């Protein structure tokens, strides 16, 4: 199986990127729906949380890789 799903303007889009983005999107949708059902929970809180945690998680994963694969 080819690891490259498709190419846009010379930029390769790989399957693992598509799967990670799909997982993040589905997790955000599920969390938003659960926030709607829970009293006192704001849907915007889920979006704000994802917008903060996702970049921090990517930076943390990269930092981990750099520190332990030196």
PDB file of N, CA and C in Angstrom:
ATOM      1  N   UNK A   1       0.846  -1.177   0.000  1.00  0.00           N
ATOM      2  CA  UNK A   1       0.000   0.000   0.000  1.00  0.00           C
ATOM      3  C   UNK A   1       0.893   1.242   0.000  1.00  0.00           C
ATOM      4  N   UNK A   2       0.545   2.201  -0.786  1.00  0.00           N
ATOM      5  CA  UNK A   2       1.297   3.439  -0.885  1.00  0.00           C
ATOM      6  C   UNK A   2       1.009   4.324   0.335  1.00  0.00           C
ATOM      7  N   UNK A   3       2.054   4.805   1.037  1.00  0.00           N
ATOM      8  CA  UNK A   3       1.807   5.649   2.206  1.00  0.00           C
ATOM      9  C   UNK A   3       1.253   7.029   1.850  1.00  0.00           C
ATOM     10  N   UNK A   4       1.387   7.442   0.598  1.00  0.00           N
ATOM     11  CA  UNK A   4       0.882   8.738   0.161  1.00  0.00           C
ATOM     12  C   UNK A   4      -0.530   8.554  -0.373  1.00  0.00           C
ATOM     13  N   UNK A   5      -1.496   9.230   0.229  1.00  0.00           N
ATOM     14  CA  UNK A   5      -2.886   9.110  -0.209  1.00  0.00           C
ATOM     15  C   UNK A   5      -3.107   9.880  -1.499  1.00  0.00           C
ATOM     16  N   UNK A   6      -2.661  11.141  -1.523  1.00  0.00           N
ATOM     17  CA  UNK A   6      -2.769  11.965  -2.717  1.00  0.00           C
ATOM     18  C   UNK A   6      -1.802  13.140  -2.594  1.00  0.00           C
ATOM     19  N   UNK A   7      -1.638  13.860  -3.688  1.00  0.00           N
ATOM     20  CA  UNK A   7      -0.733  15.008  -3.732  1.00  0.00           C
ATOM     21  C   UNK A   7      -1.518  16.242  -4.165  1.00  0.00           C
ATOM     22  N   UNK A   8      -1.332  17.337  -3.429  1.00  0.00           N
ATOM     23  CA  UNK A   8      -1.970  18.613  -3.767  1.00  0.00           C
ATOM     24  C   UNK A   8      -0.856  19.642  -3.938  1.00  0.00           C
ATOM     25  N   UNK A   9      -0.749  20.193  -5.124  1.00  0.00           N
ATOM     26  CA  UNK A   9       0.245  21.221  -5.429  1.00  0.00           C
ATOM     27  C   UNK A   9       1.652  20.812  -4.998  1.00  0.00           C
ATOM     28  N   UNK A  10       1.996  19.547  -5.216  1.00  0.00           N
ATOM     29  CA  UNK A  10       3.317  19.049  -4.866  1.00  0.00           C
ATOM     30  C   UNK A  10       3.478  18.650  -3.414  1.00  0.00           C
ATOM     31  N   UNK A  11       2.434  18.801  -2.605  1.00  0.00           N
ATOM     32  CA  UNK A  11       2.478  18.443  -1.186  1.00  0.00           C
ATOM     33  C   UNK A  11       1.837  17.070  -1.007  1.00  0.00           C
ATOM     34  N   UNK A  12       2.604  16.144  -0.447  1.00  0.00           N
ATOM     35  CA  UNK A  12       2.086  14.789  -0.244  1.00  0.00           C
ATOM     36  C   UNK A  12       1.238  14.720   1.020  1.00  0.00           C
ATOM     37  N   UNK A  13       0.046  14.183   0.892  1.00  0.00           N
ATOM     38  CA  UNK A  13      -0.833  13.947   2.036  1.00  0.00           C
ATOM     39  C   UNK A  13      -0.781  12.447   2.312  1.00  0.00           C
ATOM     40  N   UNK A  14      -0.323  12.103   3.495  1.00  0.00           N
ATOM     41  CA  UNK A  14      -0.133  10.689   3.842  1.00  0.00           C
ATOM     42  C   UNK A  14      -1.337  10.152   4.610  1.00  0.00           C
ATOM     43  N   UNK A  15      -1.466   8.825   4.544  1.00  0.00           N
ATOM     44  CA  UNK A  15      -2.612   8.168   5.171  1.00  0.00           C
ATOM     45  C   UNK A  15      -2.644   8.374   6.679  1.00  0.00           C
ATOM     46  N   UNK A  16      -1.479   8.340   7.340  1.00  0.00           N
ATOM     47  CA  UNK A  16      -1.498   8.484   8.797  1.00  0.00           C
ATOM     48  C   UNK A  16      -1.985   9.873   9.206  1.00  0.00           C
ATOM     49  N   UNK A  17      -1.699  10.874   8.398  1.00  0.00           N
ATOM     50  CA  UNK A  17      -2.201  12.220   8.689  1.00  0.00           C
ATOM     51  C   UNK A  17      -3.708  12.299   8.560  1.00  0.00           C
ATOM     52  N   UNK A  18      -4.240  11.630   7.538  1.00  0.00           N
ATOM     53  CA  UNK A  18      -5.696  11.589   7.350  1.00  0.00           C
ATOM     54  C   UNK A  18      -6.358  10.873   8.524  1.00  0.00           C
ATOM     55  N   UNK A  19      -5.764   9.757   8.957  1.00  0.00           N
ATOM     56  CA  UNK A  19      -6.347   8.997  10.073  1.00  0.00           C
ATOM     57  C   UNK A  19      -6.279   9.767  11.392  1.00  0.00           C
ATOM     58  N   UNK A  20      -5.168  10.457  11.644  1.00  0.00           N
ATOM     59  CA  UNK A  20      -5.054  11.246  12.869  1.00  0.00           C
ATOM     60  C   UNK A  20      -6.063  12.392  12.864  1.00  0.00           C
ATOM     61  N   UNK A  21      -6.180  13.102  11.734  1.00  0.00           N
ATOM     62  CA  UNK A  21      -7.129  14.217  11.638  1.00  0.00           C
ATOM     63  C   UNK A  21      -8.566  13.730  11.807  1.00  0.00           C
ATOM     64  N   UNK A  22      -8.879  12.567  11.228  1.00  0.00           N
ATOM     65  CA  UNK A  22     -10.222  11.996  11.375  1.00  0.00           C
ATOM     66  C   UNK A  22     -10.500  11.642  12.833  1.00  0.00           C
ATOM     67  N   UNK A  23      -9.514  11.063  13.510  1.00  0.00           N
ATOM     68  CA  UNK A  23      -9.672  10.715  14.923  1.00  0.00           C
ATOM     69  C   UNK A  23      -9.890  11.929  15.799  1.00  0.00           C
ATOM     70  N   UNK A  24      -9.133  12.996  15.548  1.00  0.00           N
ATOM     71  CA  UNK A  24      -9.298  14.234  16.321  1.00  0.00           C
ATOM     72  C   UNK A  24     -10.684  14.820  16.082  1.00  0.00           C
ATOM     73  N   UNK A  25     -11.106  14.842  14.815  1.00  0.00           N
ATOM     74  CA  UNK A  25     -12.420  15.393  14.477  1.00  0.00           C
ATOM     75  C   UNK A  25     -13.538  14.586  15.143  1.00  0.00           C
ATOM     76  N   UNK A  26     -13.473  13.255  15.066  1.00  0.00           N
ATOM     77  CA  UNK A  26     -14.516  12.422  15.679  1.00  0.00           C
ATOM     78  C   UNK A  26     -14.528  12.566  17.198  1.00  0.00           C
ATOM     79  N   UNK A  27     -13.349  12.624  17.813  1.00  0.00           N
ATOM     80  CA  UNK A  27     -13.285  12.801  19.270  1.00  0.00           C
ATOM     81  C   UNK A  27     -13.890  14.136  19.686  1.00  0.00           C
ATOM     82  N   UNK A  28     -13.630  15.167  18.890  1.00  0.00           N
ATOM     83  CA  UNK A  28     -14.191  16.484  19.194  1.00  0.00           C
ATOM     84  C   UNK A  28     -15.711  16.476  19.042  1.00  0.00           C
ATOM     85  N   UNK A  29     -16.225  15.807  18.029  1.00  0.00           N
ATOM     86  CA  UNK A  29     -17.676  15.716  17.832  1.00  0.00           C
ATOM     87  C   UNK A  29     -18.341  14.943  18.973  1.00  0.00           C
ATOM     88  N   UNK A  30     -17.736  13.847  19.391  1.00  0.00           N
ATOM     89  CA  UNK A  30     -18.290  13.055  20.492  1.00  0.00           C
ATOM     90  C   UNK A  30     -18.276  13.873  21.786  1.00  0.00           C
ATOM     91  N   UNK A  31     -17.160  14.554  22.057  1.00  0.00           N
ATOM     92  CA  UNK A  31     -17.071  15.366  23.272  1.00  0.00           C
ATOM     93  C   UNK A  31     -18.071  16.515  23.247  1.00  0.00           C
ATOM     94  N   UNK A  32     -18.288  17.107  22.077  1.00  0.00           N
ATOM     95  CA  UNK A  32     -19.268  18.190  21.963  1.00  0.00           C
ATOM     96  C   UNK A  32     -20.676  17.679  22.222  1.00  0.00           C
ATOM     97  N   UNK A  33     -21.008  16.521  21.672  1.00  0.00           N
ATOM     98  CA  UNK A  33     -22.330  15.934  21.912  1.00  0.00           C
ATOM     99  C   UNK A  33     -22.530  15.578  23.377  1.00  0.00           C
ATOM    100  N   UNK A  34     -21.498  15.057  24.026  1.00  0.00           N
ATOM    101  CA  UNK A  34     -21.606  14.751  25.455  1.00  0.00           C
ATOM    102  C   UNK A  34     -21.747  16.033  26.271  1.00  0.00           C
ATOM    103  N   UNK A  35     -21.083  17.104  25.850  1.00  0.00           N
ATOM    104  CA  UNK A  35     -21.212  18.382  26.561  1.00  0.00           C
ATOM    105  C   UNK A  35     -22.623  18.936  26.432  1.00  0.00           C
ATOM    106  N   UNK A  36     -23.273  18.724  25.282  1.00  0.00           N
ATOM    107  CA  UNK A  36     -24.655  19.181  25.106  1.00  0.00           C
ATOM    108  C   UNK A  36     -25.591  18.464  26.070  1.00  0.00           C
ATOM    109  N   UNK A  37     -25.342  17.167  26.286  1.00  0.00           N
ATOM    110  CA  UNK A  37     -26.220  16.365  27.133  1.00  0.00           C
ATOM    111  C   UNK A  37     -25.990  16.614  28.620  1.00  0.00           C
ATOM    112  N   UNK A  38     -24.794  17.098  28.967  1.00  0.00           N
ATOM    113  CA  UNK A  38     -24.458  17.322  30.370  1.00  0.00           C
ATOM    114  C   UNK A  38     -24.876  18.726  30.778  1.00  0.00           C
ATOM    115  N   UNK A  39     -25.635  18.797  31.872  1.00  0.00           N
ATOM    116  CA  UNK A  39     -26.071  20.113  32.343  1.00  0.00           C
ATOM    117  C   UNK A  39     -24.893  20.869  32.926  1.00  0.00           C
ATOM    118  N   UNK A  40     -24.824  22.151  32.624  1.00  0.00           N
ATOM    119  CA  UNK A  40     -23.763  22.988  33.153  1.00  0.00           C
ATOM    120  C   UNK A  40     -22.478  22.943  32.350  1.00  0.00           C
ATOM    121  N   UNK A  41     -22.442  22.167  31.267  1.00  0.00           N
ATOM    122  CA  UNK A  41     -21.236  22.063  30.442  1.00  0.00           C
ATOM    123  C   UNK A  41     -21.448  22.852  29.161  1.00  0.00           C
ATOM    124  N   UNK A  42     -20.486  23.652  28.801  1.00  0.00           N
ATOM    125  CA  UNK A  42     -20.580  24.502  27.627  1.00  0.00           C
ATOM    126  C   UNK A  42     -19.872  23.832  26.452  1.00  0.00           C
ATOM    127  N   UNK A  43     -20.506  23.843  25.276  1.00  0.00           N
ATOM    128  CA  UNK A  43     -19.910  23.239  24.081  1.00  0.00           C
ATOM    129  C   UNK A  43     -18.644  23.975  23.659  1.00  0.00           C
ATOM    130  N   UNK A  44     -18.623  25.276  23.855  1.00  0.00           N
ATOM    131  CA  UNK A  44     -17.451  26.061  23.461  1.00  0.00           C
ATOM    132  C   UNK A  44     -16.234  25.702  24.302  1.00  0.00           C
ATOM    133  N   UNK A  45     -16.474  25.196  25.497  1.00  0.00           N
ATOM    134  CA  UNK A  45     -15.372  24.762  26.350  1.00  0.00           C
ATOM    135  C   UNK A  45     -14.605  23.610  25.698  1.00  0.00           C
ATOM    136  N   UNK A  46     -15.315  22.717  25.039  1.00  0.00           N
ATOM    137  CA  UNK A  46     -14.684  21.593  24.340  1.00  0.00           C
ATOM    138  C   UNK A  46     -13.803  22.113  23.212  1.00  0.00           C
ATOM    139  N   UNK A  47     -14.318  23.046  22.427  1.00  0.00           N
ATOM    140  CA  UNK A  47     -13.551  23.605  21.322  1.00  0.00           C
ATOM    141  C   UNK A  47     -12.314  24.340  21.836  1.00  0.00           C
ATOM    142  N   UNK A  48     -12.481  25.136  22.873  1.00  0.00           N
ATOM    143  CA  UNK A  48     -11.340  25.841  23.455  1.00  0.00           C
ATOM    144  C   UNK A  48     -10.291  24.865  23.976  1.00  0.00           C
ATOM    145  N   UNK A  49     -10.753  23.808  24.615  1.00  0.00           N
ATOM    146  CA  UNK A  49      -9.840  22.796  25.150  1.00  0.00           C
ATOM    147  C   UNK A  49      -9.039  22.152  24.025  1.00  0.00           C
ATOM    148  N   UNK A  50      -9.709  21.786  22.945  1.00  0.00           N
ATOM    149  CA  UNK A  50      -9.025  21.145  21.812  1.00  0.00           C
ATOM    150  C   UNK A  50      -8.021  22.105  21.182  1.00  0.00           C
ATOM    151  N   UNK A  51      -8.393  23.370  21.046  1.00  0.00           N
ATOM    152  CA  UNK A  51      -7.484  24.343  20.438  1.00  0.00           C
ATOM    153  C   UNK A  51      -6.233  24.584  21.276  1.00  0.00           C
ATOM    154  N   UNK A  52      -6.304  24.359  22.566  1.00  0.00           N
ATOM    155  CA  UNK A  52      -5.118  24.474  23.417  1.00  0.00           C
ATOM    156  C   UNK A  52      -4.340  23.166  23.510  1.00  0.00           C
ATOM    157  N   UNK A  53      -5.049  22.062  23.676  1.00  0.00           N
ATOM    158  CA  UNK A  53      -4.388  20.785  23.954  1.00  0.00           C
ATOM    159  C   UNK A  53      -3.735  20.178  22.714  1.00  0.00           C
ATOM    160  N   UNK A  54      -4.338  20.320  21.554  1.00  0.00           N
ATOM    161  CA  UNK A  54      -3.803  19.708  20.344  1.00  0.00           C
ATOM    162  C   UNK A  54      -2.399  20.223  20.003  1.00  0.00           C
ATOM    163  N   UNK A  55      -2.166  21.542  19.930  1.00  0.00           N
ATOM    164  CA  UNK A  55      -0.794  21.990  19.648  1.00  0.00           C
ATOM    165  C   UNK A  55       0.199  21.629  20.751  1.00  0.00           C
ATOM    166  N   UNK A  56      -0.256  21.682  22.004  1.00  0.00           N
ATOM    167  CA  UNK A  56       0.627  21.309  23.109  1.00  0.00           C
ATOM    168  C   UNK A  56       0.991  19.829  23.017  1.00  0.00           C
ATOM    169  N   UNK A  57       0.038  18.994  22.632  1.00  0.00           N
ATOM    170  CA  UNK A  57       0.312  17.569  22.463  1.00  0.00           C
ATOM    171  C   UNK A  57       1.294  17.295  21.339  1.00  0.00           C
ATOM    172  N   UNK A  58       1.161  18.012  20.230  1.00  0.00           N
ATOM    173  CA  UNK A  58       2.089  17.840  19.104  1.00  0.00           C
ATOM    174  C   UNK A  58       3.493  18.277  19.511  1.00  0.00           C
ATOM    175  N   UNK A  59       3.605  19.421  20.182  1.00  0.00           N
ATOM    176  CA  UNK A  59       4.916  19.882  20.645  1.00  0.00           C
ATOM    177  C   UNK A  59       5.519  18.936  21.676  1.00  0.00           C
ATOM    178  N   UNK A  60       4.695  18.423  22.567  1.00  0.00           N
ATOM    179  CA  UNK A  60       5.184  17.474  23.563  1.00  0.00           C
ATOM    180  C   UNK A  60       5.666  16.176  22.936  1.00  0.00           C
ATOM    181  N   UNK A  61       4.956  15.692  21.935  1.00  0.00           N
ATOM    182  CA  UNK A  61       5.374  14.470  21.250  1.00  0.00           C
ATOM    183  C   UNK A  61       6.695  14.683  20.529  1.00  0.00           C
ATOM    184  N   UNK A  62       6.853  15.844  19.909  1.00  0.00           N
ATOM    185  CA  UNK A  62       8.105  16.151  19.213  1.00  0.00           C
ATOM    186  C   UNK A  62       9.256  16.291  20.199  1.00  0.00           C
ATOM    187  N   UNK A  63       9.012  16.938  21.317  1.00  0.00           N
ATOM    188  CA  UNK A  63      10.022  17.089  22.349  1.00  0.00           C
ATOM    189  C   UNK A  63      10.456  15.726  22.899  1.00  0.00           C
ATOM    190  N   UNK A  64       9.491  14.860  23.147  1.00  0.00           N
ATOM    191  CA  UNK A  64       9.780  13.497  23.608  1.00  0.00           C
ATOM    192  C   UNK A  64      10.670  12.771  22.598  1.00  0.00           C
ATOM    193  N   UNK A  65      10.311  12.890  21.314  1.00  0.00           N
ATOM    194  CA  UNK A  65      11.082  12.226  20.268  1.00  0.00           C
ATOM    195  C   UNK A  65      12.512  12.754  20.223  1.00  0.00           C
ATOM    196  N   UNK A  66      12.673  14.060  20.320  1.00  0.00           N
ATOM    197  CA  UNK A  66      14.015  14.654  20.267  1.00  0.00           C
ATOM    198  C   UNK A  66      14.845  14.237  21.467  1.00  0.00           C
ATOM    199  N   UNK A  67      14.248  14.240  22.649  1.00  0.00           N
ATOM    200  CA  UNK A  67      15.001  13.901  23.871  1.00  0.00           C
ATOM    201  C   UNK A  67      15.431  12.444  23.922  1.00  0.00           C
ATOM    202  N   UNK A  68      14.569  11.541  23.473  1.00  0.00           N
ATOM    203  CA  UNK A  68      14.861  10.117  23.629  1.00  0.00           C
ATOM    204  C   UNK A  68      15.390   9.453  22.375  1.00  0.00           C
ATOM    205  N   UNK A  69      15.525  10.202  21.275  1.00  0.00           N
ATOM    206  CA  UNK A  69      16.121   9.653  20.048  1.00  0.00           C
ATOM    207  C   UNK A  69      17.357  10.439  19.641  1.00  0.00           C
ATOM    208  N   UNK A  70      18.030  11.022  20.596  1.00  0.00           N
ATOM    209  CA  UNK A  70      19.172  11.865  20.324  1.00  0.00           C
ATOM    210  C   UNK A  70      20.278  11.030  19.773  1.00  0.00           C
TER     211      UNK A  70
END
